[in-house]
């Protein structure tokens, strides 16, 4: 599952994961992703969520809910801004985008 509001990054992330034959669902908001998860979508092995997405729920908040439901699944939170490690759920990998859009 990918949660990314950037219209350039989201399809790039989907394309990269598709190349390794991952089944992907992508959302612009964490709210949309949470709705998908609560509809009984089944097991999800990886969440990649941008922290600063529009809506009521941040990517970090979604990551915490995701870890509660699937504690053994991998979770990556991304952000263009520096996040304090204490604000991240336990076991979450944090990747900060230090450059412009698309330059990881």
N, C-alpha and C. Protein backbone atom coordinates (compact mmCIF):
# COMPACT_ATOMS: atom_id res chain seq x y z
N UNK A 1 0.84 -1.17 0.00
CA UNK A 1 0.00 0.00 0.00
C UNK A 1 0.89 1.23 0.00
N UNK A 2 0.57 2.16 -0.90
CA UNK A 2 1.30 3.42 -1.01
C UNK A 2 0.34 4.56 -0.72
N UNK A 3 0.77 5.48 0.15
CA UNK A 3 0.01 6.69 0.43
C UNK A 3 0.92 7.86 0.13
N UNK A 4 0.64 8.54 -0.96
CA UNK A 4 1.48 9.65 -1.42
C UNK A 4 0.61 10.62 -2.20
N UNK A 5 0.62 11.89 -1.80
CA UNK A 5 -0.22 12.86 -2.49
C UNK A 5 0.46 13.51 -3.68
N UNK A 6 1.76 13.35 -3.81
CA UNK A 6 2.47 13.97 -4.93
C UNK A 6 2.15 13.21 -6.22
N UNK A 7 1.59 13.91 -7.23
CA UNK A 7 1.17 13.23 -8.46
C UNK A 7 2.33 12.73 -9.32
N UNK A 8 3.56 13.10 -9.00
CA UNK A 8 4.73 12.59 -9.71
C UNK A 8 5.28 11.36 -8.97
N UNK A 9 5.41 11.48 -7.67
CA UNK A 9 6.01 10.38 -6.89
C UNK A 9 5.13 9.14 -6.81
N UNK A 10 3.81 9.33 -6.63
CA UNK A 10 2.93 8.17 -6.45
C UNK A 10 3.02 7.19 -7.61
N UNK A 11 2.87 7.63 -8.88
CA UNK A 11 2.97 6.66 -9.97
C UNK A 11 4.38 6.07 -10.12
N UNK A 12 5.40 6.84 -9.77
CA UNK A 12 6.77 6.29 -9.82
C UNK A 12 6.94 5.17 -8.81
N UNK A 13 6.41 5.37 -7.61
CA UNK A 13 6.51 4.34 -6.58
C UNK A 13 5.73 3.09 -6.99
N UNK A 14 4.56 3.30 -7.56
CA UNK A 14 3.75 2.17 -8.04
C UNK A 14 4.51 1.42 -9.13
N UNK A 15 5.10 2.14 -10.05
CA UNK A 15 5.85 1.50 -11.13
C UNK A 15 7.03 0.69 -10.61
N UNK A 16 7.79 1.26 -9.66
CA UNK A 16 8.95 0.54 -9.12
C UNK A 16 8.54 -0.75 -8.43
N UNK A 17 7.49 -0.69 -7.64
CA UNK A 17 7.04 -1.90 -6.95
C UNK A 17 6.39 -2.89 -7.90
N UNK A 18 5.76 -2.41 -8.95
CA UNK A 18 5.18 -3.30 -9.96
C UNK A 18 6.25 -4.10 -10.68
N UNK A 19 7.42 -3.50 -10.82
CA UNK A 19 8.52 -4.20 -11.49
C UNK A 19 8.99 -5.43 -10.73
N UNK A 20 8.74 -5.48 -9.43
CA UNK A 20 9.08 -6.68 -8.65
C UNK A 20 7.82 -7.52 -8.39
N UNK A 21 6.79 -7.24 -9.20
CA UNK A 21 5.53 -7.99 -9.20
C UNK A 21 4.75 -7.91 -7.90
N UNK A 22 4.90 -6.79 -7.23
CA UNK A 22 4.10 -6.56 -6.02
C UNK A 22 2.70 -6.14 -6.42
N UNK A 23 1.73 -6.59 -5.66
CA UNK A 23 0.35 -6.11 -5.86
C UNK A 23 0.24 -4.82 -5.06
N UNK A 24 -0.19 -3.76 -5.71
CA UNK A 24 -0.16 -2.44 -5.11
C UNK A 24 -1.53 -1.79 -5.15
N UNK A 25 -1.85 -1.12 -4.04
CA UNK A 25 -2.96 -0.18 -4.03
C UNK A 25 -2.35 1.15 -3.60
N UNK A 26 -2.75 2.21 -4.26
CA UNK A 26 -2.18 3.52 -3.98
C UNK A 26 -3.29 4.52 -3.69
N UNK A 27 -3.00 5.40 -2.75
CA UNK A 27 -3.96 6.40 -2.32
C UNK A 27 -3.29 7.76 -2.21
N UNK A 28 -4.09 8.80 -2.43
CA UNK A 28 -3.60 10.16 -2.29
C UNK A 28 -3.67 10.62 -0.83
N UNK A 29 -4.57 10.02 -0.05
CA UNK A 29 -4.75 10.40 1.34
C UNK A 29 -4.67 9.18 2.26
N UNK A 30 -4.29 9.42 3.50
CA UNK A 30 -4.29 8.36 4.50
C UNK A 30 -5.73 7.98 4.84
N UNK A 31 -6.64 8.94 4.74
CA UNK A 31 -8.06 8.65 4.99
C UNK A 31 -8.57 7.59 4.01
N UNK A 32 -8.24 7.74 2.73
CA UNK A 32 -8.65 6.77 1.73
C UNK A 32 -8.04 5.39 1.98
N UNK A 33 -6.78 5.38 2.39
CA UNK A 33 -6.12 4.11 2.69
C UNK A 33 -6.75 3.44 3.91
N UNK A 34 -7.08 4.23 4.93
CA UNK A 34 -7.72 3.67 6.12
C UNK A 34 -9.09 3.09 5.77
N UNK A 35 -9.85 3.79 4.94
CA UNK A 35 -11.15 3.25 4.50
C UNK A 35 -10.96 1.91 3.82
N UNK A 36 -9.96 1.80 2.97
CA UNK A 36 -9.67 0.54 2.27
C UNK A 36 -9.33 -0.56 3.27
N UNK A 37 -8.51 -0.23 4.26
CA UNK A 37 -8.11 -1.22 5.26
C UNK A 37 -9.28 -1.68 6.12
N UNK A 38 -10.17 -0.76 6.48
CA UNK A 38 -11.29 -1.12 7.34
C UNK A 38 -12.40 -1.86 6.59
N UNK A 39 -12.33 -1.85 5.27
CA UNK A 39 -13.31 -2.61 4.47
C UNK A 39 -12.95 -4.09 4.41
N UNK A 40 -11.95 -4.51 5.17
CA UNK A 40 -11.57 -5.91 5.18
C UNK A 40 -10.80 -6.31 3.95
N UNK A 41 -9.84 -5.50 3.56
CA UNK A 41 -9.08 -5.74 2.34
C UNK A 41 -8.11 -6.91 2.45
N UNK A 42 -7.99 -7.51 3.61
CA UNK A 42 -7.06 -8.62 3.78
C UNK A 42 -5.72 -8.17 4.28
N UNK A 43 -4.75 -9.07 4.22
CA UNK A 43 -3.41 -8.81 4.73
C UNK A 43 -2.64 -7.86 3.82
N UNK A 44 -1.87 -7.00 4.43
CA UNK A 44 -1.02 -6.07 3.68
C UNK A 44 0.39 -6.18 4.27
N UNK A 45 1.37 -6.49 3.44
CA UNK A 45 2.73 -6.75 3.94
C UNK A 45 3.63 -5.53 4.00
N UNK A 46 3.22 -4.42 3.34
CA UNK A 46 4.07 -3.23 3.32
C UNK A 46 3.21 -1.99 3.17
N UNK A 47 3.53 -0.98 3.99
CA UNK A 47 2.92 0.34 3.86
C UNK A 47 4.04 1.34 3.65
N UNK A 48 3.92 2.14 2.60
CA UNK A 48 4.81 3.27 2.39
C UNK A 48 3.91 4.50 2.41
N UNK A 49 4.10 5.36 3.42
CA UNK A 49 3.20 6.50 3.60
C UNK A 49 3.98 7.79 3.77
N UNK A 50 3.58 8.78 3.00
CA UNK A 50 4.11 10.13 3.18
C UNK A 50 3.45 10.70 4.44
N UNK A 51 4.24 11.32 5.29
CA UNK A 51 3.71 11.89 6.53
C UNK A 51 2.71 13.00 6.25
N UNK A 52 3.03 13.91 5.36
CA UNK A 52 2.23 15.11 5.15
C UNK A 52 1.26 15.00 4.01
N UNK A 53 0.26 14.17 4.15
CA UNK A 53 -0.76 14.05 3.11
C UNK A 53 -2.02 14.82 3.54
N UNK A 54 -2.83 15.27 2.58
CA UNK A 54 -4.05 15.99 2.94
C UNK A 54 -5.06 15.06 3.62
N UNK A 55 -5.99 15.66 4.31
CA UNK A 55 -7.04 14.89 4.97
C UNK A 55 -6.95 15.00 6.48
N UNK A 56 -7.74 14.18 7.15
CA UNK A 56 -7.80 14.21 8.61
C UNK A 56 -6.67 13.42 9.26
N UNK A 57 -6.12 12.47 8.55
CA UNK A 57 -5.13 11.55 9.10
C UNK A 57 -3.79 11.75 8.40
N UNK A 58 -2.71 11.84 9.17
CA UNK A 58 -1.38 11.93 8.58
C UNK A 58 -0.88 10.54 8.23
N UNK A 59 0.15 10.49 7.42
CA UNK A 59 0.76 9.20 7.10
C UNK A 59 1.32 8.51 8.32
N UNK A 60 1.84 9.29 9.27
CA UNK A 60 2.39 8.72 10.51
C UNK A 60 1.27 8.14 11.37
N UNK A 61 0.14 8.81 11.43
CA UNK A 61 -1.00 8.27 12.18
C UNK A 61 -1.50 6.97 11.54
N UNK A 62 -1.56 6.95 10.22
CA UNK A 62 -1.93 5.72 9.53
C UNK A 62 -0.93 4.62 9.82
N UNK A 63 0.35 4.95 9.85
CA UNK A 63 1.40 3.96 10.15
C UNK A 63 1.17 3.33 11.52
N UNK A 64 0.78 4.13 12.51
CA UNK A 64 0.53 3.59 13.85
C UNK A 64 -0.66 2.63 13.84
N UNK A 65 -1.72 2.99 13.13
CA UNK A 65 -2.90 2.11 13.03
C UNK A 65 -2.55 0.83 12.27
N UNK A 66 -1.77 0.97 11.23
CA UNK A 66 -1.33 -0.17 10.43
C UNK A 66 -0.50 -1.13 11.27
N UNK A 67 0.46 -0.59 12.04
CA UNK A 67 1.32 -1.43 12.89
C UNK A 67 0.50 -2.16 13.95
N UNK A 68 -0.55 -1.52 14.43
CA UNK A 68 -1.42 -2.17 15.42
C UNK A 68 -2.15 -3.36 14.79
N UNK A 69 -2.56 -3.22 13.54
CA UNK A 69 -3.29 -4.30 12.86
C UNK A 69 -2.35 -5.39 12.37
N UNK A 70 -1.21 -5.01 11.80
CA UNK A 70 -0.24 -5.96 11.25
C UNK A 70 1.15 -5.66 11.82
N UNK A 71 1.42 -6.07 13.07
CA UNK A 71 2.69 -5.71 13.72
C UNK A 71 3.94 -6.27 13.05
N UNK A 72 3.81 -7.29 12.25
CA UNK A 72 4.99 -7.87 11.60
C UNK A 72 5.21 -7.35 10.19
N UNK A 73 4.31 -6.52 9.71
CA UNK A 73 4.45 -5.95 8.37
C UNK A 73 5.44 -4.79 8.38
N UNK A 74 6.04 -4.55 7.24
CA UNK A 74 7.00 -3.45 7.10
C UNK A 74 6.26 -2.13 6.89
N UNK A 75 6.76 -1.08 7.52
CA UNK A 75 6.17 0.25 7.37
C UNK A 75 7.29 1.25 7.14
N UNK A 76 7.12 2.06 6.10
CA UNK A 76 8.06 3.13 5.79
C UNK A 76 7.27 4.43 5.76
N UNK A 77 7.74 5.42 6.53
CA UNK A 77 7.16 6.76 6.50
C UNK A 77 8.15 7.67 5.81
N UNK A 78 7.67 8.46 4.87
CA UNK A 78 8.52 9.40 4.15
C UNK A 78 8.06 10.82 4.46
N UNK A 79 8.97 11.76 4.28
CA UNK A 79 8.60 13.16 4.47
C UNK A 79 9.65 14.05 3.84
N UNK A 80 9.22 15.18 3.35
CA UNK A 80 10.14 16.20 2.88
C UNK A 80 10.64 17.07 4.02
N UNK A 81 10.10 16.84 5.20
CA UNK A 81 10.47 17.59 6.39
C UNK A 81 11.06 16.64 7.42
N UNK A 82 11.89 17.15 8.28
CA UNK A 82 12.49 16.31 9.32
C UNK A 82 11.46 16.00 10.39
N UNK A 83 11.34 14.73 10.71
CA UNK A 83 10.44 14.28 11.77
C UNK A 83 11.28 13.78 12.94
N UNK A 84 10.86 14.09 14.14
CA UNK A 84 11.56 13.58 15.32
C UNK A 84 11.30 12.09 15.45
N UNK A 85 12.34 11.30 15.68
CA UNK A 85 12.15 9.85 15.81
C UNK A 85 11.09 9.46 16.84
N UNK A 86 10.95 10.25 17.89
CA UNK A 86 9.97 9.93 18.93
C UNK A 86 8.53 10.04 18.43
N UNK A 87 8.31 10.72 17.32
CA UNK A 87 6.95 10.87 16.78
C UNK A 87 6.54 9.70 15.90
N UNK A 88 7.48 8.80 15.63
CA UNK A 88 7.19 7.65 14.76
C UNK A 88 6.82 6.43 15.57
N UNK A 89 5.89 5.63 15.09
CA UNK A 89 5.56 4.38 15.77
C UNK A 89 6.77 3.45 15.81
N UNK A 90 6.81 2.61 16.81
CA UNK A 90 7.92 1.66 16.95
C UNK A 90 8.00 0.75 15.74
N UNK A 91 9.23 0.53 15.27
CA UNK A 91 9.45 -0.38 14.16
C UNK A 91 9.25 0.22 12.78
N UNK A 92 8.98 1.51 12.71
CA UNK A 92 8.75 2.17 11.43
C UNK A 92 10.08 2.72 10.89
N UNK A 93 10.32 2.50 9.62
CA UNK A 93 11.50 3.05 8.95
C UNK A 93 11.13 4.43 8.44
N UNK A 94 12.01 5.40 8.64
CA UNK A 94 11.76 6.78 8.22
C UNK A 94 12.75 7.18 7.14
N UNK A 95 12.24 7.66 6.01
CA UNK A 95 13.07 8.16 4.92
C UNK A 95 12.71 9.62 4.68
N UNK A 96 13.69 10.49 4.81
CA UNK A 96 13.47 11.91 4.56
C UNK A 96 13.93 12.26 3.16
N UNK A 97 13.06 12.91 2.40
CA UNK A 97 13.39 13.40 1.07
C UNK A 97 14.09 14.73 1.25
N UNK A 98 15.39 14.76 1.01
CA UNK A 98 16.18 15.96 1.23
C UNK A 98 16.27 16.86 0.01
N UNK A 99 15.80 16.39 -1.13
CA UNK A 99 15.90 17.18 -2.35
C UNK A 99 14.56 17.60 -2.86
N UNK A 100 14.51 17.89 -4.14
CA UNK A 100 13.25 18.29 -4.76
C UNK A 100 12.43 17.05 -5.08
N UNK A 101 11.22 17.27 -5.51
CA UNK A 101 10.29 16.19 -5.83
C UNK A 101 10.97 15.16 -6.72
N UNK A 102 10.86 13.91 -6.31
CA UNK A 102 11.38 12.82 -7.12
C UNK A 102 12.86 12.54 -6.91
N UNK A 103 13.55 13.28 -6.06
CA UNK A 103 14.98 13.03 -5.88
C UNK A 103 15.24 12.43 -4.50
N UNK A 104 15.16 11.14 -4.42
CA UNK A 104 15.40 10.43 -3.16
C UNK A 104 16.84 10.16 -3.08
